[in-house]
N, C-alpha and C. Protein backbone atom coordinates (compact mmCIF):
# COMPACT_ATOMS: atom_id res chain seq x y z
N MET A 1 -10.29 71.75 198.05
CA MET A 1 -9.87 73.00 198.65
C MET A 1 -9.00 72.30 199.58
N ARG A 2 -8.04 72.81 199.57
CA ARG A 2 -6.81 72.41 200.24
C ARG A 2 -5.83 73.01 201.36
N VAL A 3 -5.73 73.20 202.58
CA VAL A 3 -5.07 74.37 203.18
C VAL A 3 -4.07 74.04 204.09
N VAL A 4 -2.82 73.94 203.98
CA VAL A 4 -1.90 74.06 204.86
C VAL A 4 -1.77 74.67 205.65
N VAL A 5 -1.71 74.23 207.43
CA VAL A 5 -2.35 75.30 208.42
C VAL A 5 -0.97 75.17 209.02
N GLN A 6 -0.02 76.09 209.35
CA GLN A 6 0.91 76.12 210.20
C GLN A 6 1.21 77.20 211.81
N ARG A 7 0.96 76.33 212.59
CA ARG A 7 0.95 77.36 214.14
C ARG A 7 2.29 78.29 213.85
N ALA A 8 2.21 79.60 214.30
CA ALA A 8 3.28 80.39 214.09
C ALA A 8 3.53 81.68 214.99
N LYS A 9 4.52 82.06 215.62
CA LYS A 9 5.00 82.62 216.34
C LYS A 9 5.19 83.92 215.71
N ASN A 10 4.93 84.37 214.85
CA ASN A 10 5.07 85.19 213.95
C ASN A 10 5.03 85.43 212.34
N ALA A 11 4.35 85.72 211.02
CA ALA A 11 4.89 85.52 209.96
C ALA A 11 4.16 86.96 209.16
N SER A 12 5.05 87.05 208.19
CA SER A 12 4.74 88.16 207.14
C SER A 12 5.01 87.74 205.34
N VAL A 13 4.29 88.26 204.96
CA VAL A 13 4.39 87.96 203.48
C VAL A 13 5.02 89.43 202.99
N THR A 14 5.40 89.45 201.79
CA THR A 14 6.40 90.13 201.46
C THR A 14 6.20 90.23 199.19
N VAL A 15 6.14 91.25 198.93
CA VAL A 15 5.52 91.23 197.55
C VAL A 15 6.38 92.80 197.06
N ASN A 16 7.65 92.38 195.91
CA ASN A 16 8.57 93.38 195.48
C ASN A 16 9.21 94.39 196.53
N GLY A 17 9.34 92.94 197.66
CA GLY A 17 10.21 94.37 198.32
C GLY A 17 9.25 95.28 199.50
N GLU A 18 7.79 94.92 199.62
CA GLU A 18 7.20 95.76 200.67
C GLU A 18 6.50 94.61 201.21
N VAL A 19 6.18 94.84 202.60
CA VAL A 19 5.31 93.75 203.93
C VAL A 19 4.07 93.93 203.38
N VAL A 20 3.29 92.86 203.03
CA VAL A 20 1.64 93.19 202.23
C VAL A 20 0.76 92.62 203.87
N GLY A 21 1.15 92.30 204.15
CA GLY A 21 0.47 91.30 205.12
C GLY A 21 2.10 90.85 206.66
N GLN A 22 0.89 90.75 207.56
CA GLN A 22 1.79 90.57 208.86
C GLN A 22 0.80 90.06 209.96
N ILE A 23 1.66 88.81 210.85
CA ILE A 23 0.49 88.79 212.18
C ILE A 23 1.65 88.52 213.37
N GLU A 24 1.12 88.27 214.22
CA GLU A 24 2.37 88.32 215.28
C GLU A 24 1.52 86.65 215.58
N LYS A 25 1.30 86.22 216.72
CA LYS A 25 0.83 84.58 217.18
C LYS A 25 -0.71 84.66 216.41
N GLY A 26 -0.26 83.16 215.16
CA GLY A 26 -1.60 82.79 215.03
C GLY A 26 -1.35 81.56 213.83
N LEU A 27 -1.92 81.69 212.81
CA LEU A 27 -1.67 80.80 211.75
C LEU A 27 -1.39 81.23 210.32
N VAL A 28 -0.69 80.55 210.12
CA VAL A 28 -0.15 80.97 208.42
C VAL A 28 -1.12 79.91 207.57
N LEU A 29 -2.02 80.02 206.47
CA LEU A 29 -2.42 79.40 205.78
C LEU A 29 -2.22 79.65 204.19
N LEU A 30 -1.67 78.47 203.72
CA LEU A 30 -1.19 78.12 202.47
C LEU A 30 -2.80 77.39 201.70
N VAL A 31 -3.39 78.37 201.17
CA VAL A 31 -4.67 78.07 200.41
C VAL A 31 -5.05 77.65 198.91
N GLY A 32 -5.02 76.53 198.57
CA GLY A 32 -4.88 75.94 197.38
C GLY A 32 -6.30 75.59 196.65
N LEU A 33 -7.03 75.90 195.83
CA LEU A 33 -8.63 75.48 195.56
C LEU A 33 -8.16 74.90 193.79
N THR A 34 -9.29 73.95 194.19
CA THR A 34 -9.35 73.25 192.68
C THR A 34 -10.53 73.05 191.85
N HIS A 35 -10.87 73.39 190.73
CA HIS A 35 -11.94 73.53 190.04
C HIS A 35 -12.85 72.97 190.12
N THR A 36 -13.24 72.03 191.14
CA THR A 36 -14.49 71.90 191.58
C THR A 36 -15.19 72.28 192.70
N ASP A 37 -13.98 73.07 193.61
CA ASP A 37 -14.34 73.73 194.65
C ASP A 37 -15.63 74.67 194.61
N THR A 38 -16.57 74.55 196.00
CA THR A 38 -17.82 75.57 195.68
C THR A 38 -17.60 76.26 196.94
N GLU A 39 -18.40 77.19 197.00
CA GLU A 39 -18.86 77.90 198.35
C GLU A 39 -18.98 77.50 199.39
N GLU A 40 -19.66 75.99 199.45
CA GLU A 40 -19.70 75.23 200.34
C GLU A 40 -18.58 74.46 201.19
N ASP A 41 -17.46 74.03 200.31
CA ASP A 41 -15.89 73.77 200.38
C ASP A 41 -14.87 74.73 201.06
N VAL A 42 -15.99 76.18 200.98
CA VAL A 42 -14.75 77.04 201.83
C VAL A 42 -15.61 77.62 203.12
N ASN A 43 -17.20 77.11 202.99
CA ASN A 43 -17.17 77.57 204.27
C ASN A 43 -17.23 76.27 205.40
N TYR A 44 -17.04 75.14 204.84
CA TYR A 44 -15.95 73.99 205.74
C TYR A 44 -14.94 73.91 205.88
N VAL A 45 -14.17 74.86 205.47
CA VAL A 45 -12.80 74.58 205.67
C VAL A 45 -12.29 75.77 206.66
N ALA A 46 -13.04 76.92 206.52
CA ALA A 46 -13.13 78.00 207.48
C ALA A 46 -13.83 78.01 208.75
N GLU A 47 -14.50 76.94 208.95
CA GLU A 47 -15.12 76.95 210.11
C GLU A 47 -13.82 75.85 210.69
N LYS A 48 -13.78 74.70 210.28
CA LYS A 48 -12.85 73.73 210.46
C LYS A 48 -11.77 74.54 211.41
N ILE A 49 -10.91 75.57 210.20
CA ILE A 49 -9.62 75.92 210.86
C ILE A 49 -10.16 76.98 212.24
N ALA A 50 -11.07 77.57 212.07
CA ALA A 50 -11.34 78.52 213.05
C ALA A 50 -11.63 77.65 214.33
N GLY A 51 -11.90 76.53 214.11
CA GLY A 51 -12.33 75.76 215.81
C GLY A 51 -11.02 74.73 215.85
N LEU A 52 -10.11 74.33 215.37
CA LEU A 52 -9.06 73.72 215.29
C LEU A 52 -8.52 74.06 216.91
N ARG A 53 -8.18 73.26 217.55
CA ARG A 53 -8.08 73.08 218.94
C ARG A 53 -6.80 72.75 218.96
N ILE A 54 -5.82 73.53 218.49
CA ILE A 54 -3.69 73.13 218.10
C ILE A 54 -3.40 74.26 218.73
N PHE A 55 -3.84 75.45 219.80
CA PHE A 55 -2.97 75.83 220.98
C PHE A 55 -3.18 75.13 222.29
N GLU A 56 -2.05 75.86 222.99
CA GLU A 56 -2.20 75.20 224.38
C GLU A 56 -2.53 75.73 225.35
N ASP A 57 -3.30 75.30 226.27
CA ASP A 57 -3.85 75.37 227.09
C ASP A 57 -2.87 75.41 228.61
N VAL A 58 -3.29 76.06 229.55
CA VAL A 58 -2.04 76.29 230.85
C VAL A 58 -1.85 74.82 231.41
N GLY A 59 -2.05 74.09 230.86
CA GLY A 59 -1.53 72.59 231.10
C GLY A 59 -0.70 72.15 230.11
N GLY A 60 -0.52 73.06 228.66
CA GLY A 60 0.04 72.51 227.86
C GLY A 60 -0.33 71.63 226.71
N LYS A 61 -1.80 71.14 227.13
CA LYS A 61 -2.56 70.40 225.88
C LYS A 61 -2.84 71.45 224.80
N MET A 62 -2.90 71.08 223.45
CA MET A 62 -3.29 71.45 222.66
C MET A 62 -4.74 71.79 222.60
N ASN A 63 -5.29 72.34 223.44
CA ASN A 63 -6.78 72.37 223.54
C ASN A 63 -7.58 73.67 223.12
N LEU A 64 -6.85 74.68 222.82
CA LEU A 64 -7.79 75.83 222.54
C LEU A 64 -7.75 76.21 220.78
N SER A 65 -8.72 77.09 220.73
CA SER A 65 -8.56 77.18 219.04
C SER A 65 -8.42 78.55 218.83
N LEU A 66 -7.84 79.12 217.77
CA LEU A 66 -7.70 80.25 217.47
C LEU A 66 -8.86 81.56 217.78
N MET A 67 -9.90 81.14 217.90
CA MET A 67 -10.97 81.88 218.58
C MET A 67 -10.70 81.98 219.91
N GLU A 68 -9.73 80.78 220.45
CA GLU A 68 -10.25 81.49 221.54
C GLU A 68 -8.65 81.67 221.95
N THR A 69 -7.98 82.01 221.64
CA THR A 69 -6.52 82.48 221.96
C THR A 69 -6.46 84.34 221.38
N GLY A 70 -7.27 84.48 220.49
CA GLY A 70 -7.18 85.73 219.66
C GLY A 70 -5.97 86.06 219.05
N GLY A 71 -5.29 85.02 218.27
CA GLY A 71 -4.65 84.91 217.29
C GLY A 71 -5.15 85.43 215.98
N SER A 72 -3.91 85.43 215.00
CA SER A 72 -4.60 86.37 213.65
C SER A 72 -4.06 85.32 212.79
N ILE A 73 -4.59 85.69 211.32
CA ILE A 73 -4.36 84.41 210.51
C ILE A 73 -3.73 85.34 209.10
N LEU A 74 -2.77 84.56 208.65
CA LEU A 74 -2.36 85.11 207.27
C LEU A 74 -2.39 83.86 206.42
N SER A 75 -3.70 84.54 205.51
CA SER A 75 -3.99 83.94 204.45
C SER A 75 -3.30 83.76 202.91
N VAL A 76 -2.53 82.95 202.21
CA VAL A 76 -1.55 83.13 201.20
C VAL A 76 -1.89 82.32 200.16
N SER A 77 -2.39 82.56 199.00
CA SER A 77 -3.20 81.70 198.15
C SER A 77 -1.65 81.11 197.67
N GLN A 78 -2.29 79.28 197.27
CA GLN A 78 -1.13 78.73 196.88
C GLN A 78 -1.80 77.63 196.13
N PHE A 79 -1.58 77.82 194.26
CA PHE A 79 -2.09 77.32 193.60
C PHE A 79 -1.10 75.85 193.41
N THR A 80 -0.22 76.17 193.80
CA THR A 80 1.00 74.75 194.11
C THR A 80 0.81 73.44 194.72
N LEU A 81 -0.28 73.60 195.62
CA LEU A 81 -1.12 72.54 196.44
C LEU A 81 -1.58 71.35 195.70
N TYR A 82 -2.18 71.94 194.30
CA TYR A 82 -2.68 71.14 193.41
C TYR A 82 -1.79 70.64 192.41
N GLY A 83 -0.39 70.63 192.64
CA GLY A 83 0.67 70.57 191.79
C GLY A 83 0.87 68.74 191.72
N ASP A 84 0.71 67.95 190.70
CA ASP A 84 0.78 66.32 190.67
C ASP A 84 2.52 66.15 189.93
N THR A 85 2.69 65.39 190.95
CA THR A 85 4.04 65.17 190.92
C THR A 85 4.62 63.53 190.34
N ARG A 86 3.50 63.34 190.42
CA ARG A 86 3.48 61.19 190.18
C ARG A 86 4.26 60.96 188.81
N LYS A 87 4.23 61.86 187.70
CA LYS A 87 4.86 61.75 186.22
C LYS A 87 5.66 62.78 186.07
N GLY A 88 7.00 62.06 185.60
CA GLY A 88 8.04 63.02 185.09
C GLY A 88 8.75 63.70 186.20
N ARG A 89 8.97 64.90 185.74
CA ARG A 89 10.16 65.79 187.10
C ARG A 89 9.46 66.99 186.85
N ARG A 90 8.17 67.34 186.00
CA ARG A 90 7.46 69.28 186.26
C ARG A 90 6.34 68.37 186.86
N PRO A 91 5.70 69.38 187.69
CA PRO A 91 4.66 69.19 188.24
C PRO A 91 3.39 69.55 187.14
N SER A 92 2.08 68.96 187.18
CA SER A 92 1.24 69.33 186.19
C SER A 92 0.02 70.27 187.60
N PHE A 93 -0.37 71.10 186.86
CA PHE A 93 -1.18 71.73 187.84
C PHE A 93 -2.55 71.56 187.33
N VAL A 94 -2.65 70.82 186.71
CA VAL A 94 -3.90 70.81 185.71
C VAL A 94 -5.46 70.86 186.81
N ASP A 95 -4.66 70.26 187.86
CA ASP A 95 -6.25 69.95 189.44
C ASP A 95 -6.38 71.87 189.41
N ALA A 96 -5.42 72.20 189.91
CA ALA A 96 -5.62 73.73 190.49
C ALA A 96 -6.63 74.42 189.83
N ALA A 97 -7.60 75.41 190.31
CA ALA A 97 -8.27 75.82 189.78
C ALA A 97 -7.63 77.33 189.19
N ARG A 98 -8.28 77.59 187.83
CA ARG A 98 -7.96 78.73 187.28
C ARG A 98 -8.16 80.34 188.16
N PRO A 99 -7.17 81.12 187.65
CA PRO A 99 -7.15 81.70 188.56
C PRO A 99 -8.60 82.97 188.57
N GLU A 100 -9.39 82.95 187.22
CA GLU A 100 -10.88 83.69 187.77
C GLU A 100 -11.84 83.11 188.44
N GLN A 101 -11.65 81.42 188.46
CA GLN A 101 -12.26 81.14 189.35
C GLN A 101 -11.72 80.93 191.10
N ALA A 102 -10.31 80.58 191.04
CA ALA A 102 -9.91 80.56 192.32
C ALA A 102 -9.93 81.85 193.30
N GLU A 103 -9.73 82.92 192.65
CA GLU A 103 -9.69 84.07 193.17
C GLU A 103 -10.91 84.72 193.93
N PRO A 104 -12.02 84.63 193.72
CA PRO A 104 -13.12 84.50 194.16
C PRO A 104 -13.45 83.80 195.27
N LEU A 105 -12.99 82.70 195.36
CA LEU A 105 -13.51 81.63 196.41
C LEU A 105 -12.24 81.98 197.40
N TYR A 106 -11.39 82.32 197.07
CA TYR A 106 -10.61 82.80 197.83
C TYR A 106 -10.24 83.88 199.06
N GLN A 107 -11.09 84.68 198.05
CA GLN A 107 -11.48 85.75 199.05
C GLN A 107 -12.72 85.70 199.67
N LEU A 108 -13.46 84.88 198.99
CA LEU A 108 -14.54 84.18 199.94
C LEU A 108 -13.90 83.99 201.19
N PHE A 109 -12.89 82.95 201.28
CA PHE A 109 -12.47 82.23 202.28
C PHE A 109 -12.23 83.14 203.21
N ASN A 110 -11.35 84.36 203.06
CA ASN A 110 -10.72 85.28 203.90
C ASN A 110 -12.06 85.87 204.77
N GLU A 111 -13.12 86.11 203.70
CA GLU A 111 -14.13 87.06 204.42
C GLU A 111 -14.90 86.41 205.38
N LYS A 112 -15.01 84.74 205.19
CA LYS A 112 -15.77 83.90 205.87
C LYS A 112 -15.08 83.78 207.39
N LEU A 113 -13.79 83.89 207.29
CA LEU A 113 -12.63 83.81 208.38
C LEU A 113 -13.08 85.12 209.39
N ARG A 114 -13.20 86.32 208.87
CA ARG A 114 -13.33 87.59 209.23
C ARG A 114 -14.84 87.78 209.99
N GLY A 115 -15.63 86.83 209.17
CA GLY A 115 -17.05 86.93 209.57
C GLY A 115 -17.17 86.35 210.94
N LEU A 116 -16.36 85.19 211.21
CA LEU A 116 -15.84 83.98 212.49
C LEU A 116 -15.49 85.12 213.77
N GLY A 117 -14.92 86.44 213.26
CA GLY A 117 -14.44 87.10 214.44
C GLY A 117 -12.92 87.03 213.98
N LEU A 118 -12.34 86.61 213.37
CA LEU A 118 -10.52 86.64 213.18
C LEU A 118 -10.43 87.72 212.32
N VAL A 119 -9.16 88.05 212.45
CA VAL A 119 -7.90 88.91 212.13
C VAL A 119 -7.77 88.19 211.37
N VAL A 120 -7.76 88.67 209.64
CA VAL A 120 -6.85 88.16 208.51
C VAL A 120 -6.32 88.93 207.69
N GLU A 121 -4.71 88.67 207.56
CA GLU A 121 -4.35 89.42 207.00
C GLU A 121 -3.87 88.50 205.20
N THR A 122 -3.59 89.06 204.51
CA THR A 122 -3.34 88.13 202.99
C THR A 122 -2.28 88.92 202.39
N GLY A 123 -1.85 87.87 201.75
CA GLY A 123 -0.80 88.52 200.41
C GLY A 123 -1.53 88.91 199.62
N ILE A 124 -1.04 88.80 198.17
CA ILE A 124 -1.42 89.62 197.35
C ILE A 124 -1.59 88.40 195.91
N PHE A 125 -3.08 88.06 195.57
CA PHE A 125 -3.50 86.66 194.83
C PHE A 125 -2.43 86.95 193.40
N GLY A 126 -1.86 85.71 192.97
CA GLY A 126 -1.18 85.68 191.96
C GLY A 126 -0.20 86.14 191.68
N SER A 127 0.26 87.08 193.07
CA SER A 127 1.60 87.58 192.99
C SER A 127 2.69 86.49 193.15
N MET A 128 4.01 86.86 192.95
CA MET A 128 5.38 86.37 193.39
C MET A 128 5.58 86.59 194.90
N MET A 129 5.38 85.67 195.97
CA MET A 129 5.45 85.83 197.19
C MET A 129 6.14 85.63 198.04
N GLU A 130 7.11 86.35 199.18
CA GLU A 130 7.99 85.97 200.16
C GLU A 130 7.43 85.59 201.29
N VAL A 131 7.18 84.42 201.71
CA VAL A 131 6.49 84.41 202.74
C VAL A 131 7.70 83.77 204.21
N SER A 132 7.63 84.54 205.43
CA SER A 132 8.53 84.19 206.39
C SER A 132 7.57 83.86 207.24
N LEU A 133 7.94 82.66 208.71
CA LEU A 133 7.84 82.37 209.43
C LEU A 133 8.37 81.92 210.52
N ILE A 134 8.10 81.90 211.74
CA ILE A 134 8.30 81.43 212.60
C ILE A 134 7.47 79.98 213.17
N ASN A 135 7.68 78.90 212.93
CA ASN A 135 6.19 77.81 212.86
C ASN A 135 6.30 77.58 214.45
N ASP A 136 5.36 77.95 215.26
CA ASP A 136 5.20 77.34 216.45
C ASP A 136 4.94 76.05 217.25
N GLY A 137 6.01 74.84 217.59
CA GLY A 137 6.14 73.92 218.16
C GLY A 137 7.03 73.05 217.40
N PRO A 138 7.34 72.56 216.25
CA PRO A 138 6.30 72.74 214.88
C PRO A 138 5.08 72.23 214.88
N VAL A 139 4.12 72.73 214.63
CA VAL A 139 2.58 72.47 214.22
C VAL A 139 2.11 72.47 212.95
N THR A 140 2.25 71.97 212.09
CA THR A 140 2.40 71.74 211.00
C THR A 140 0.50 70.55 210.37
N LEU A 141 -0.67 71.35 210.10
CA LEU A 141 -1.24 70.53 209.38
C LEU A 141 -1.94 70.69 207.87
N ILE A 142 -2.79 69.96 207.15
CA ILE A 142 -3.42 69.68 206.19
C ILE A 142 -4.50 69.85 206.29
N VAL A 143 -5.62 70.70 206.06
CA VAL A 143 -6.94 70.36 206.15
C VAL A 143 -7.58 70.25 204.80
N GLU A 144 -8.66 69.48 204.41
CA GLU A 144 -8.95 69.76 203.15
C GLU A 144 -10.47 69.17 203.25
N SER A 145 -11.24 70.00 202.03
CA SER A 145 -12.54 70.24 202.34
C SER A 145 -13.10 68.36 201.91
N ARG A 146 -14.61 68.42 202.20
CA ARG A 146 -15.15 67.37 202.01
C ARG A 146 -15.79 66.64 200.94
N SER A 147 -15.36 67.30 199.83
CA SER A 147 -15.72 67.29 198.39
C SER A 147 -13.89 66.78 197.91
């Protein structure tokens, strides 16, 4: 599992001209799953992201987590995170999980975050989406599961 984490001042995702998910201060998560991912990977990454200390405290140091700041999450499925560009000019997506495997894990990931007390907005799995955000910092990290 691979997630690009972006600290955002605000963000939204639009499908077919309609805003389907929107947040103010929080995190935008671009979520990629591979065919070897399991519920254990989902749990690990959700807990890691919820506890990341990437928000500033009163002293200006990145010392607070999303759970401590009360921000929200915009979670967007992103199979292209497993695109392999080492050969040729067209990415290969053989490492990306098939939709029938990826979607339940993606939904489980979002539910795990909600279970940790976070507000989670999403795009629509498998849809063409337009993601807009103001990256705060900018702060962008990659979080991967242990396997």
